[in-house]
Protein backbone atom coordinates (compact mmCIF):
# COMPACT_ATOMS: atom_id res chain seq x y z
CA MET A 1 -19.18 85.18 24.26
CA HIS A 2 -21.43 88.03 23.17
CA PRO A 3 -22.41 90.46 24.50
CA GLY A 4 -19.04 90.25 26.13
CA GLN A 5 -19.27 93.32 28.35
CA LYS A 6 -22.30 92.00 30.19
CA LEU A 7 -21.06 88.52 30.96
CA LYS A 8 -18.79 88.90 33.95
CA PRO A 9 -17.37 86.18 36.25
CA GLY A 10 -20.25 84.52 38.08
CA ALA A 11 -22.74 85.04 35.25
CA ARG A 12 -24.81 81.95 34.44
CA VAL A 13 -26.08 80.91 30.98
CA VAL A 14 -28.43 78.11 29.89
CA PHE A 15 -28.55 76.35 26.53
CA GLU A 16 -31.84 74.55 26.00
CA GLY A 17 -33.11 72.02 23.49
CA SER A 18 -33.58 68.27 23.69
CA ARG A 19 -30.88 68.51 26.36
CA THR A 20 -29.98 71.33 28.74
CA ILE A 21 -26.46 72.67 29.23
CA HIS A 22 -25.58 75.04 32.05
CA GLY A 23 -22.62 77.40 32.00
CA GLU A 24 -20.85 79.69 34.43
CA VAL A 25 -18.32 82.35 33.48
CA LEU A 26 -15.15 81.79 35.55
CA GLU A 27 -12.71 84.29 34.06
CA ARG A 28 -13.03 87.32 31.81
CA HIS A 29 -10.52 88.15 29.07
CA PHE A 30 -10.29 90.68 26.24
CA PHE A 31 -12.45 90.80 23.10
CA GLY A 32 -15.32 88.70 24.46
CA ARG A 33 -13.20 85.73 25.43
CA ARG A 34 -14.15 83.88 28.58
CA ILE A 35 -13.24 80.73 30.49
CA VAL A 36 -16.54 78.96 31.06
CA ARG A 37 -17.47 75.91 33.07
CA LEU A 38 -20.13 73.77 31.37
CA TRP A 39 -22.24 70.93 32.75
CA THR A 40 -25.47 69.11 31.98
CA ALA A 41 -28.58 69.27 34.12
CA GLU A 42 -28.84 65.50 34.52
CA GLY A 43 -25.13 64.85 34.78
CA SER A 44 -24.88 63.07 31.42
CA PRO A 45 -21.70 63.38 29.30
CA LEU A 46 -21.28 66.97 28.09
CA HIS A 47 -20.20 66.01 24.56
CA GLU A 48 -23.46 64.10 24.06
CA ALA A 49 -25.49 67.14 25.00
CA ILE A 50 -23.40 69.35 22.71
CA ASP A 51 -23.95 66.93 19.84
CA ALA A 52 -27.70 66.93 20.54
CA ILE A 53 -28.35 70.68 20.63
CA GLY A 54 -25.30 72.17 18.89
CA HIS A 55 -25.27 73.65 15.36
CA VAL A 56 -22.79 73.48 12.51
CA PRO A 57 -21.45 77.00 11.71
CA LEU A 58 -22.45 77.49 8.08
CA PRO A 59 -20.94 80.34 6.05
CA PRO A 60 -23.25 83.36 5.52
CA TYR A 61 -23.72 82.61 1.81
CA ILE A 62 -25.43 79.29 2.65
CA ARG A 63 -28.86 80.77 3.33
CA ARG A 64 -30.54 77.94 5.22
CA HIS A 65 -30.47 76.34 8.63
CA ASP A 66 -27.93 73.58 9.22
CA ARG A 67 -29.01 69.98 8.71
CA ASP A 68 -27.91 66.61 10.08
CA ALA A 69 -25.97 65.99 6.83
CA ASP A 70 -23.85 69.08 7.53
CA ARG A 71 -22.30 67.31 10.50
CA ASP A 72 -20.67 64.85 8.13
CA ARG A 73 -19.88 67.41 5.44
CA TYR A 74 -18.15 69.63 8.00
CA GLN A 75 -15.65 66.88 8.76
CA THR A 76 -12.63 66.16 6.60
CA VAL A 77 -11.88 62.62 5.39
CA PHE A 78 -8.92 62.77 7.79
CA ALA A 79 -11.01 63.46 10.93
CA ARG A 80 -10.42 60.92 13.71
CA HIS A 81 -10.48 62.56 17.15
CA ARG A 82 -12.40 65.28 19.00
CA GLY A 83 -10.54 68.43 19.85
CA SER A 84 -10.89 71.06 17.14
CA VAL A 85 -13.18 74.09 17.43
CA ALA A 86 -13.57 74.00 13.64
CA ALA A 87 -12.67 71.82 10.68
CA PRO A 88 -9.24 72.49 9.13
CA THR A 89 -10.99 73.74 6.03
CA ALA A 90 -8.37 72.99 3.36
CA GLY A 91 -8.91 69.31 4.12
CA LEU A 92 -12.59 69.59 3.15
CA HIS A 93 -11.60 69.53 -0.54
CA PHE A 94 -10.44 65.91 -0.33
CA THR A 95 -12.62 62.86 -0.91
CA PRO A 96 -11.82 59.14 -0.74
CA SER A 97 -11.78 58.97 -4.56
CA LEU A 98 -9.35 61.92 -4.76
CA LEU A 99 -7.05 60.29 -2.20
CA ALA A 100 -7.12 57.11 -4.24
CA ALA A 101 -6.24 59.08 -7.40
CA LEU A 102 -3.32 60.71 -5.63
CA ALA A 103 -2.08 57.32 -4.42
CA ALA A 104 -2.33 55.99 -7.99
CA HIS A 105 0.15 58.71 -8.98
CA ASP A 106 2.54 57.66 -6.17
CA ILE A 107 1.73 60.73 -4.09
CA LEU A 108 2.15 59.83 -0.43
CA ILE A 109 -0.29 61.17 2.17
CA ALA A 110 1.23 61.69 5.65
CA GLU A 111 -1.47 62.38 8.25
CA ILE A 112 -0.99 64.37 11.45
CA THR A 113 -3.53 65.28 14.14
CA LEU A 114 -4.48 68.96 14.35
CA HIS A 115 -6.75 70.51 16.96
CA VAL A 116 -7.74 73.83 15.45
CA GLY A 117 -8.19 76.46 18.13
CA TYR A 118 -9.14 80.08 18.67
CA GLY A 119 -5.89 81.20 17.01
CA THR A 120 -7.36 80.32 13.61
CA PHE A 121 -10.04 83.00 13.99
CA GLN A 122 -7.99 85.51 16.03
CA PRO A 123 -7.80 88.82 14.10
CA VAL A 124 -4.63 90.88 14.09
CA ARG A 125 -5.40 93.93 16.21
CA VAL A 126 -1.93 95.44 16.69
CA ASP A 127 -0.27 98.19 14.68
CA SER A 128 3.00 96.28 14.40
CA VAL A 129 2.74 92.74 13.04
CA GLU A 130 5.61 91.57 15.24
CA ASP A 131 3.52 92.32 18.36
CA HIS A 132 0.75 89.86 17.41
CA ARG A 133 0.53 86.60 19.35
CA ILE A 134 -1.35 83.48 18.28
CA GLU A 135 -3.06 81.20 20.77
CA PRO A 136 -1.25 77.83 20.79
CA GLU A 137 -2.92 74.91 18.99
CA HIS A 138 -2.42 71.25 19.90
CA TYR A 139 -0.95 68.73 17.46
CA GLU A 140 0.17 65.12 17.37
CA ILE A 141 2.71 63.67 14.91
CA ASP A 142 3.34 59.92 14.88
CA ALA A 143 6.57 58.19 13.93
CA CYS A 144 5.29 57.10 10.52
CA ALA A 145 4.32 60.63 9.44
CA ALA A 146 7.63 62.07 10.70
CA GLU A 147 9.59 59.41 8.85
CA HIS A 148 7.81 60.03 5.56
CA ILE A 149 8.18 63.81 5.77
CA ASN A 150 11.87 63.66 6.67
CA ALA A 151 12.53 61.16 3.84
CA ALA A 152 10.87 63.57 1.39
CA LEU A 153 13.04 66.40 2.66
CA ALA A 154 16.21 64.27 2.42
CA ASP A 155 15.30 63.27 -1.16
CA LYS A 156 14.45 66.89 -2.03
CA ARG A 157 10.91 65.85 -2.90
CA ARG A 158 8.09 68.35 -2.55
CA VAL A 159 6.15 68.53 0.73
CA ILE A 160 2.73 70.08 0.17
CA ALA A 161 0.89 71.17 3.30
CA VAL A 162 -2.88 70.92 3.32
CA GLY A 163 -3.86 74.06 5.21
CA THR A 164 -2.29 76.77 7.32
CA THR A 165 -2.62 74.80 10.57
CA THR A 166 -0.57 71.96 9.05
CA THR A 167 1.98 74.52 7.89
CA ARG A 168 2.35 76.09 11.32
CA THR A 169 2.66 72.66 12.95
CA LEU A 170 5.34 71.33 10.59
CA GLU A 171 7.34 74.54 10.51
CA GLY A 172 7.01 74.99 14.28
CA VAL A 173 8.26 71.48 15.03
CA ALA A 174 11.08 71.79 12.50
CA SER A 175 12.24 75.09 13.98
CA ASN A 176 12.63 73.34 17.35
CA HIS A 177 14.51 70.35 15.99
CA GLY A 178 17.09 71.62 13.55
CA GLY A 179 14.88 71.47 10.48
CA ARG A 180 13.59 67.93 11.06
CA VAL A 181 10.10 66.78 11.88
CA VAL A 182 9.92 64.55 14.97
CA ALA A 183 7.21 62.34 16.38
CA GLU A 184 5.70 64.18 19.35
CA GLN A 185 2.62 65.73 20.92
CA GLY A 186 2.63 69.40 21.72
CA SER A 187 1.28 72.80 20.84
CA THR A 188 2.54 75.64 18.70
CA GLY A 189 1.88 79.37 18.73
CA LEU A 190 4.14 80.00 15.76
CA PHE A 191 3.14 83.15 13.89
CA ILE A 192 4.23 83.09 10.24
CA TYR A 193 4.28 86.40 8.33
CA PRO A 194 6.31 87.74 5.35
CA GLY A 195 10.01 87.29 5.92
CA PHE A 196 9.63 83.84 7.49
CA GLU A 197 12.07 81.15 6.25
CA PHE A 198 10.19 77.94 5.42
CA ARG A 199 12.18 74.79 6.16
CA VAL A 200 9.64 72.03 5.47
CA ILE A 201 6.88 72.85 3.03
CA SER A 202 7.39 73.55 -0.64
CA GLY A 203 3.70 73.72 -1.56
CA LEU A 204 0.51 74.89 0.13
CA LEU A 205 -3.14 74.14 -0.46
CA THR A 206 -5.23 76.72 1.41
CA ASN A 207 -8.64 78.36 1.34
CA PHE A 208 -9.20 82.08 0.80
CA HIS A 209 -8.86 84.00 4.08
CA LEU A 210 -10.22 87.25 5.44
CA PRO A 211 -8.24 90.50 5.54
CA GLN A 212 -6.25 91.34 8.68
CA SER A 213 -5.90 87.66 9.58
CA SER A 214 -2.77 85.72 10.49
CA LEU A 215 -3.85 83.09 7.93
CA LEU A 216 -3.65 85.59 5.06
CA MET A 217 -0.23 86.74 6.32
CA LEU A 218 1.00 83.16 6.35
CA THR A 219 -0.24 82.67 2.78
CA CYS A 220 1.54 85.87 1.68
CA ALA A 221 4.71 84.76 3.45
CA PHE A 222 4.77 81.59 1.36
CA GLY A 223 3.38 82.75 -1.96
CA GLY A 224 4.58 86.34 -2.00
CA ARG A 225 2.36 89.29 -1.14
CA ASP A 226 1.89 90.61 -4.66
CA ARG A 227 1.16 87.19 -6.20
CA VAL A 228 -1.29 86.24 -3.46
CA LEU A 229 -3.16 89.56 -3.61
CA ALA A 230 -3.36 89.26 -7.41
CA ALA A 231 -4.93 85.82 -6.95
CA TYR A 232 -7.39 87.29 -4.46
CA HIS A 233 -8.40 90.00 -6.91
CA ALA A 234 -9.04 87.35 -9.54
CA ALA A 235 -10.98 85.22 -7.07
CA ILE A 236 -13.21 88.14 -6.06
CA ALA A 237 -13.84 89.03 -9.72
CA GLU A 238 -14.83 85.42 -10.43
CA ARG A 239 -17.01 85.31 -7.27
CA TYR A 240 -15.02 82.58 -5.54
CA ARG A 241 -16.24 81.60 -2.08
CA PHE A 242 -14.48 82.38 1.18
CA TYR A 243 -15.00 80.86 4.69
CA SER A 244 -15.25 77.20 5.63
CA TYR A 245 -17.01 75.86 2.55
CA GLY A 246 -15.12 78.15 0.19
CA ASP A 247 -12.72 77.58 -2.66
CA ALA A 248 -9.02 76.92 -2.41
CA MET A 249 -5.73 77.79 -4.07
CA LEU A 250 -2.64 75.66 -4.62
CA ILE A 251 0.66 77.52 -4.28
CA THR A 252 3.80 75.79 -5.54
């Protein structure tokens, strides 16, 4: 919440449009973070009011107001359930036709549920990387996905993660289960930075990330700092896009 310094516990906020949402700050945390209780004026479901008056967060280089069509475009083809604070952006590059083309080449798609949280946007503010902590993010892995991933590992086939959230989930689960992926629901606060030993993924599709972010550190941990930064220099020179609707790189 901004301005964070002024919104103390007990402060009330009102969001108005075709619906009205009321909020009360319950707890105050560092860097503008708050625990807030939300409710609607007429007692209708909160998610309906949010859908009615909320806005899609467009990147700054899209110089227009959001439109109804953006609500569909800001969802990946894999989206099924509510829970994320943002789209897992690497998945935005996939379309039904691309998935069909991958299947035609015998490339198996194993889907897991990811609820992207604040940790995705949380900047690294400490002097020592080891002191950084990532807010846990919820995940769900079903038996079918776990079976396919473990079979690929057993056969020494390549496992390509679509996105950093997927990477953290698979590596976090594997680290807790002897290198295997199991069917379970849970959350992970795994922080991956250079020096990390990857046990599951052997490829990564990911967007371009901002400096001083845990996402960039994860990418450097997998691809190698010098190679990744060289790719970033090339991307900047060619005016590639960053943020949610930005370009991607495939690291193998």
